[in-house]
Amino acid sequence: MTLKKPDISALINKMGKNRNTIFLVMCLMVHISYFVTFFIIDAIPLCLINAVSSVFYILFLIFSKDRERSEKATVVSYFEIIIFAFLCEIFTRNTFGFIYFVIGMIPVVFYLCPSYGNKRFFFQIIGVISALMINLTPVLVPEAFFSQVYSKLSPYATIFNFVNLLITLFTVLYTAFFYKLELDMIRSELDYSSTHDPLTGLYNRRYLYDAIDSGTEEHISVVLLDVDNFKRVNDIFGHDIGDEVLVTLASCIRETADEKCYPVRWGGEEFIICYRDVDIEYAYKRASQLCRLISEKTILPDNTPVTVTIGLNHGKRSEFDSVLKTADKYLYIGKKSGKNRIVWYKNESDQALPDEQ
């Protein structure tokens, strides 16, 4: 029996999409852990504070059933963390490091709540002011005010300070990781959209010219393809059917394409397949296969097959525009001589139909 390997990238992407919910769960786990810890060391005021916070986070998780609500819950939790840290630092006289939670949330809230826009800067200002005020708790609150609780907790100050610092650093690194992941995904999507046609998924003109300019091959073969009677398809069956024709045709192009070519949507109903360092007979054979496949797989609602006309030419990569211009001339000849054919230098004079193979 072969075990299926988990798709780590899919798991990470899913975690990124649910980052707010994961953050709320993490906060709940921290509060529950501290509730138990403070209960064990008999620090009842801090135990009660964490109990109340735990209830809040349970409600947050019940409330946040979608992305918008989870962001709202995250904003509320941001202010809950400020209040929680302030109360805890009063009891511990700013020795337990709960202030780290507020400092850590100042950058974190910016990433976790993107839909709040510029309001996030206001949240951050509140966080900065709150951190400064929390840092002054030893001055603002007399030591004798909670001396009994503080004297009981002071032996644990170093370890709690360290643990709270670790929790804060983990939270910052967690959000930084997913922020970087999101930026990479956005960059990848932008790179893809800049080089691919959005409807068919084939390469676009920009990609082809970049590939031609950076290529090392000496010769290329250009297959310039145009859908026959495409305006009629749109007029009779509608643009949705027209789009379906283009998508299916692009699928046929990908099916017959190989590592030697660039499949490109040139514009409208025109496509280019640019073969690198192959002889023109090879390109003609592949174009003939493509014509048959399109007729077999691209069927209109009235059960008539879609046909294409192709202009085929071969030449030097450095003279791509000239090669393309001649292919376009052959395509024009094919359209004028009845369509549904491949025209190249071997049959330009008699405008023959593609050989049956």
Protein backbone atom coordinates (compact mmCIF):
# COMPACT_ATOMS: atom_id res chain seq x y z
CA MET A 1 0.00 0.00 0.00
CA THR A 2 1.40 3.39 -1.02
CA LEU A 3 0.70 6.29 1.27
CA LYS A 4 -0.16 9.55 -0.41
CA LYS A 5 2.26 12.31 0.50
CA PRO A 6 0.59 15.38 2.01
CA ASP A 7 0.51 18.47 -0.16
CA ILE A 8 2.50 20.84 2.06
CA SER A 9 2.00 23.87 -0.20
CA ALA A 10 -1.78 23.36 -0.21
CA LEU A 11 -1.75 23.04 3.58
CA ILE A 12 0.29 26.24 3.97
CA ASN A 13 -2.02 28.11 1.58
CA LYS A 14 -5.05 26.94 3.54
CA MET A 15 -3.42 28.06 6.78
CA GLY A 16 -2.70 31.45 5.23
CA LYS A 17 -6.34 31.89 4.22
CA ASN A 18 -7.42 31.00 7.77
CA ARG A 19 -4.65 32.92 9.52
CA ASN A 20 -7.05 35.01 11.63
CA THR A 21 -8.86 31.96 12.93
CA ILE A 22 -5.54 30.27 13.71
CA PHE A 23 -4.42 33.40 15.54
CA LEU A 24 -7.60 33.39 17.65
CA VAL A 25 -7.10 29.71 18.46
CA MET A 26 -3.51 30.43 19.51
CA CYS A 27 -4.69 33.21 21.82
CA LEU A 28 -7.31 30.92 23.33
CA MET A 29 -4.69 28.24 23.96
CA VAL A 30 -2.42 30.78 25.70
CA HIS A 31 -5.23 31.97 27.97
CA ILE A 32 -6.33 28.46 28.85
CA SER A 33 -2.73 27.49 29.64
CA TYR A 34 -2.27 30.55 31.84
CA PHE A 35 -5.62 29.95 33.53
CA VAL A 36 -4.41 26.50 34.56
CA THR A 37 -0.94 27.76 35.50
CA PHE A 38 -2.15 30.62 37.68
CA PHE A 39 -4.74 28.35 39.26
CA ILE A 40 -1.97 25.92 40.23
CA ILE A 41 0.21 28.65 41.78
CA ASP A 42 -2.87 30.12 43.49
CA ALA A 43 -2.77 33.50 41.72
CA ILE A 44 -6.56 33.85 41.70
CA PRO A 45 -6.81 37.39 40.22
CA LEU A 46 -4.72 36.41 37.18
CA CYS A 47 -6.55 33.11 37.00
CA LEU A 48 -9.88 34.96 36.73
CA ILE A 49 -8.52 37.40 34.14
CA ASN A 50 -7.47 34.49 31.91
CA ALA A 51 -10.78 32.73 32.47
CA VAL A 52 -12.70 35.79 31.26
CA SER A 53 -10.33 36.16 28.27
CA SER A 54 -10.81 32.49 27.39
CA VAL A 55 -14.58 32.97 27.29
CA PHE A 56 -14.13 35.97 25.00
CA TYR A 57 -12.01 33.96 22.57
CA ILE A 58 -14.47 31.09 22.50
CA LEU A 59 -17.13 33.63 21.53
CA PHE A 60 -14.78 35.13 18.94
CA LEU A 61 -14.28 31.73 17.32
CA ILE A 62 -18.02 31.03 17.29
CA PHE A 63 -18.65 34.44 15.77
CA SER A 64 -15.88 34.38 13.14
CA LYS A 65 -17.34 32.02 10.55
CA ASP A 66 -15.92 33.87 7.55
CA ARG A 67 -12.95 36.09 6.66
CA GLU A 68 -14.76 39.38 7.34
CA ARG A 69 -16.00 38.31 10.76
CA SER A 70 -12.65 36.79 11.71
CA GLU A 71 -11.01 40.16 10.97
CA LYS A 72 -13.52 41.92 13.21
CA ALA A 73 -12.84 39.38 15.93
CA THR A 74 -9.11 39.96 15.49
CA VAL A 75 -9.55 43.72 15.95
CA VAL A 76 -11.57 43.15 19.13
CA SER A 77 -8.95 40.65 20.33
CA TYR A 78 -6.28 43.33 19.73
CA PHE A 79 -7.92 45.59 22.29
CA GLU A 80 -8.57 42.61 24.57
CA ILE A 81 -4.83 41.89 24.53
CA ILE A 82 -4.07 45.50 25.49
CA ILE A 83 -6.50 45.39 28.43
CA PHE A 84 -5.33 41.92 29.44
CA ALA A 85 -1.66 42.97 29.40
CA PHE A 86 -2.40 46.12 31.39
CA LEU A 87 -4.29 44.26 34.12
CA CYS A 88 -1.69 41.50 34.36
CA GLU A 89 1.19 43.97 34.54
CA ILE A 90 -0.55 45.83 37.37
CA PHE A 91 -0.60 42.64 39.44
CA THR A 92 2.97 41.70 38.48
CA ARG A 93 4.40 45.24 38.51
CA ASN A 94 5.59 44.94 34.90
CA THR A 95 7.96 42.05 35.62
CA PHE A 96 6.22 39.20 33.77
CA GLY A 97 6.60 40.52 30.23
CA PHE A 98 2.92 40.74 29.33
CA ILE A 99 3.81 44.04 27.68
CA TYR A 100 5.47 41.95 24.94
CA PHE A 101 2.01 40.87 23.79
CA VAL A 102 1.05 44.48 23.07
CA ILE A 103 4.36 45.29 21.39
CA GLY A 104 4.08 42.17 19.23
CA MET A 105 0.51 42.97 18.21
CA ILE A 106 1.41 46.44 16.93
CA PRO A 107 2.90 45.03 13.67
CA VAL A 108 0.75 41.88 13.67
CA VAL A 109 -2.60 43.74 13.55
CA PHE A 110 -1.48 45.47 10.35
CA TYR A 111 -1.18 42.14 8.54
CA LEU A 112 -4.15 40.34 10.09
CA CYS A 113 -6.67 43.11 9.33
CA PRO A 114 -6.01 44.30 5.75
CA SER A 115 -9.65 45.26 5.06
CA TYR A 116 -9.47 47.97 7.74
CA GLY A 117 -7.08 50.00 5.60
CA ASN A 118 -5.75 53.18 7.23
CA LYS A 119 -7.64 52.43 10.45
CA ARG A 120 -4.83 50.01 11.20
CA PHE A 121 -2.46 52.94 11.73
CA PHE A 122 -4.87 54.25 14.36
CA PHE A 123 -4.89 50.82 16.01
CA GLN A 124 -1.10 50.84 16.03
CA ILE A 125 -0.96 54.29 17.63
CA ILE A 126 -3.27 53.04 20.39
CA GLY A 127 -0.95 50.05 20.82
CA VAL A 128 2.14 52.26 21.11
CA ILE A 129 0.48 54.52 23.69
CA SER A 130 -0.79 51.50 25.61
CA ALA A 131 2.69 49.92 25.67
CA LEU A 132 4.15 53.15 27.07
CA MET A 133 1.43 53.32 29.72
CA ILE A 134 1.89 49.67 30.68
CA ASN A 135 5.63 50.26 31.03
CA LEU A 136 4.82 52.96 33.60
CA THR A 137 2.65 50.72 35.81
CA PRO A 138 5.34 50.45 38.54
CA VAL A 139 5.22 54.24 38.78
CA LEU A 140 1.48 54.67 38.37
CA VAL A 141 0.45 51.88 40.78
CA PRO A 142 1.98 51.90 44.26
CA GLU A 143 3.79 48.69 45.21
CA ALA A 144 1.64 48.27 48.29
CA PHE A 145 -1.54 48.25 46.20
CA PHE A 146 -1.17 44.61 45.18
CA SER A 147 1.81 43.71 47.32
CA GLN A 148 0.36 40.40 48.50
CA VAL A 149 -0.26 39.09 44.98
CA TYR A 150 3.03 40.44 43.67
CA SER A 151 5.10 38.91 46.48
CA LYS A 152 3.54 35.53 45.71
CA LEU A 153 4.28 35.83 41.98
CA SER A 154 7.72 37.48 42.00
CA PRO A 155 9.68 34.16 42.19
CA TYR A 156 8.16 33.22 38.79
CA ALA A 157 8.95 36.54 37.08
CA THR A 158 12.00 35.39 35.11
CA ILE A 159 10.39 32.28 33.62
CA PHE A 160 7.12 34.07 32.76
CA ASN A 161 9.06 36.92 31.18
CA PHE A 162 10.93 34.44 29.02
CA VAL A 163 7.81 32.46 28.05
CA ASN A 164 5.87 35.61 27.12
CA LEU A 165 8.78 36.78 25.00
CA LEU A 166 8.80 33.42 23.20
CA ILE A 167 5.04 33.58 22.59
CA THR A 168 5.36 37.10 21.17
CA LEU A 169 8.30 36.20 18.93
CA PHE A 170 6.46 33.12 17.65
CA THR A 171 3.39 35.23 16.82
CA VAL A 172 5.47 37.83 14.97
CA LEU A 173 7.35 35.13 13.03
CA TYR A 174 4.08 33.32 12.27
CA THR A 175 2.54 36.43 10.73
CA ALA A 176 5.79 37.40 8.98
CA PHE A 177 5.93 33.95 7.37
CA PHE A 178 2.40 34.17 6.00
CA TYR A 179 2.92 37.80 4.97
CA LYS A 180 5.93 36.68 2.93
CA LEU A 181 3.90 33.77 1.54
CA GLU A 182 1.09 36.10 0.51
CA LEU A 183 3.51 38.50 -1.18
CA ASP A 184 5.08 35.60 -3.09
CA MET A 185 1.64 34.41 -4.21
CA ILE A 186 0.66 37.91 -5.36
CA ARG A 187 3.97 38.29 -7.19
CA SER A 188 3.49 34.89 -8.81
CA GLU A 189 -0.04 35.80 -9.91
CA LEU A 190 1.19 39.11 -11.34
CA ASP A 191 4.02 37.37 -13.18
CA TYR A 192 1.58 34.83 -14.58
CA SER A 193 -0.99 37.43 -15.65
CA SER A 194 1.71 39.51 -17.35
CA THR A 195 2.78 36.57 -19.55
CA HIS A 196 -0.45 34.59 -20.01
CA ASP A 197 -3.80 35.16 -21.65
CA PRO A 198 -6.50 35.26 -18.93
CA LEU A 199 -9.14 33.39 -20.94
CA THR A 200 -7.19 30.53 -22.47
CA GLY A 201 -4.16 30.29 -20.19
CA LEU A 202 -1.81 30.30 -23.18
CA TYR A 203 1.16 32.64 -23.40
CA ASN A 204 0.53 36.17 -24.62
CA ARG A 205 2.37 38.44 -27.07
CA ARG A 206 4.62 39.91 -24.42
CA TYR A 207 5.89 36.50 -23.39
CA LEU A 208 6.54 35.44 -26.98
CA TYR A 209 8.55 38.56 -27.82
CA ASP A 210 10.56 38.18 -24.61
CA ALA A 211 11.20 34.53 -25.43
CA ILE A 212 12.24 35.38 -29.00
CA ASP A 213 14.56 38.15 -27.80
CA SER A 214 16.23 35.96 -25.19
CA GLY A 215 16.31 32.77 -27.26
CA THR A 216 19.45 31.05 -28.49
CA GLU A 217 17.97 28.99 -31.31
CA GLU A 218 18.84 30.01 -34.84
CA HIS A 219 15.62 29.14 -36.69
CA ILE A 220 11.92 29.17 -35.84
CA SER A 221 8.74 27.93 -37.46
CA VAL A 222 5.63 30.05 -36.98
CA VAL A 223 2.14 28.53 -37.11
CA LEU A 224 -0.35 31.42 -37.32
CA LEU A 225 -3.87 30.11 -36.73
CA ASP A 226 -7.22 31.86 -37.11
CA VAL A 227 -10.69 30.46 -36.29
CA ASP A 228 -12.92 30.32 -39.36
CA ASN A 229 -16.18 32.29 -39.27
CA PHE A 230 -15.66 33.28 -35.65
CA LYS A 231 -17.78 36.41 -35.96
CA ARG A 232 -20.65 34.20 -37.07
CA VAL A 233 -20.17 32.00 -34.01
CA ASN A 234 -20.47 35.01 -31.71
CA ASP A 235 -23.42 36.49 -33.64
CA ILE A 236 -25.46 33.28 -33.75
CA PHE A 237 -24.53 31.51 -30.50
CA GLY A 238 -23.34 34.39 -28.34
CA HIS A 239 -20.02 35.44 -26.89
CA ASP A 240 -20.15 32.82 -24.13
CA ILE A 241 -20.08 30.07 -26.77
CA GLY A 242 -17.37 32.00 -28.58
CA ASP A 243 -15.28 32.01 -25.42
CA GLU A 244 -15.88 28.27 -24.99
CA VAL A 245 -14.64 27.72 -28.54
CA LEU A 246 -11.43 29.62 -27.78
CA VAL A 247 -10.87 27.74 -24.52
CA THR A 248 -11.43 24.36 -26.17
CA LEU A 249 -9.19 25.34 -29.07
CA ALA A 250 -6.48 26.37 -26.62
CA SER A 251 -6.82 22.97 -24.95
CA CYS A 252 -6.25 21.32 -28.33
CA ILE A 253 -3.17 23.47 -28.88
CA ARG A 254 -1.76 22.40 -25.50
CA GLU A 255 -2.51 18.76 -26.30
CA THR A 256 -0.49 18.86 -29.51
CA ALA A 257 2.22 21.18 -28.19
CA ASP A 258 5.59 19.91 -27.02
CA GLU A 259 8.68 21.28 -25.33
CA LYS A 260 9.89 22.68 -28.67
CA CYS A 261 7.18 25.32 -29.00
CA TYR A 262 5.54 28.38 -27.44
CA PRO A 263 1.71 28.24 -27.66
CA VAL A 264 0.41 31.81 -27.74
CA ARG A 265 -2.93 33.57 -28.00
CA TRP A 266 -2.02 36.35 -30.39
CA GLY A 267 -5.27 38.27 -30.08
CA GLY A 268 -9.00 37.75 -30.62
CA GLU A 269 -9.40 34.44 -32.43
CA GLU A 270 -5.78 34.34 -33.63
CA PHE A 271 -3.19 32.00 -32.13
CA ILE A 272 0.51 31.41 -32.75
CA ILE A 273 2.54 28.28 -32.16
CA CYS A 274 6.19 29.14 -32.44
CA TYR A 275 8.49 26.10 -32.86
CA ARG A 276 12.16 26.39 -31.98
CA ASP A 277 14.89 24.74 -34.08
CA VAL A 278 12.65 22.31 -35.96
CA ASP A 279 12.28 21.93 -39.71
CA ILE A 280 9.15 23.27 -41.32
CA GLU A 281 7.92 19.78 -42.25
CA TYR A 282 7.77 18.94 -38.54
CA ALA A 283 5.75 22.10 -37.87
CA TYR A 284 3.44 21.26 -40.80
CA LYS A 285 2.80 17.78 -39.45
CA ARG A 286 1.96 19.12 -35.98
CA ALA A 287 -0.30 21.80 -37.49
CA SER A 288 -2.17 19.17 -39.50
CA GLN A 289 -2.72 17.09 -36.36
CA LEU A 290 -3.98 20.19 -34.59
CA CYS A 291 -6.49 20.99 -37.36
CA ARG A 292 -8.00 17.52 -37.12
CA LEU A 293 -8.11 17.59 -33.32
CA ILE A 294 -9.88 20.96 -33.31
CA SER A 295 -12.52 19.70 -35.74
CA GLU A 296 -13.07 16.62 -33.58
CA LYS A 297 -13.26 18.33 -30.20
CA THR A 298 -14.64 21.81 -30.91
CA ILE A 299 -18.30 21.31 -31.82
CA LEU A 300 -20.85 24.12 -31.96
CA PRO A 301 -24.39 23.80 -30.53
CA ASP A 302 -25.73 23.02 -34.04
CA ASN A 303 -23.29 20.06 -34.17
CA THR A 304 -21.06 21.65 -36.78
CA PRO A 305 -17.31 21.41 -36.16
CA VAL A 306 -15.11 24.46 -35.79
CA THR A 307 -12.39 24.77 -38.41
CA VAL A 308 -9.26 26.86 -38.58
CA THR A 309 -7.02 28.31 -41.27
CA ILE A 310 -3.27 28.33 -40.75
CA GLY A 311 -0.42 30.26 -42.28
CA LEU A 312 2.92 28.46 -41.80
CA ASN A 313 6.37 29.92 -42.29
CA HIS A 314 9.99 29.23 -41.32
CA GLY A 315 12.97 31.53 -40.90
CA LYS A 316 15.61 33.00 -38.63
CA ARG A 317 14.73 33.86 -35.04
CA SER A 318 16.38 37.26 -35.47
CA GLU A 319 13.91 37.99 -38.29
CA PHE A 320 10.79 36.99 -36.36
CA ASP A 321 8.64 39.93 -37.51
CA SER A 322 9.44 39.17 -41.13
CA VAL A 323 8.70 35.46 -40.65
CA LEU A 324 5.40 36.33 -38.97
CA LYS A 325 4.47 38.75 -41.75
CA THR A 326 4.88 36.03 -44.37
CA ALA A 327 2.86 33.57 -42.24
CA ASP A 328 0.13 36.22 -42.04
CA LYS A 329 0.21 36.53 -45.84
CA TYR A 330 -0.24 32.75 -46.15
CA LEU A 331 -3.11 32.92 -43.65
CA TYR A 332 -4.79 35.59 -45.76
CA ILE A 333 -4.40 33.43 -48.87
CA GLY A 334 -5.96 30.50 -47.00
CA LYS A 335 -8.94 32.61 -45.92
CA LYS A 336 -9.54 33.86 -49.44
CA SER A 337 -9.25 30.40 -50.98
CA GLY A 338 -11.91 28.69 -48.91
CA LYS A 339 -10.61 28.46 -45.32
CA ASN A 340 -10.05 25.22 -43.36
CA ARG A 341 -6.53 24.70 -44.69
CA ILE A 342 -2.84 25.16 -44.05
CA VAL A 343 -0.98 27.42 -46.47
CA TRP A 344 2.81 27.44 -46.68
CA TYR A 345 5.46 27.83 -49.31
CA LYS A 346 4.84 24.36 -50.76
CA ASN A 347 1.19 24.98 -51.61
CA GLU A 348 1.00 28.75 -51.80
CA SER A 349 0.53 28.67 -55.57
CA ASP A 350 -2.28 26.13 -55.68
CA GLN A 351 -3.80 26.88 -52.23
CA ALA A 352 -4.20 23.19 -51.47
CA LEU A 353 -5.98 21.65 -48.52
CA PRO A 354 -3.77 20.01 -45.88
CA ASP A 355 -2.64 16.50 -46.77
CA GLU A 356 -4.64 13.78 -45.11
CA GLN A 357 -2.35 11.83 -42.77
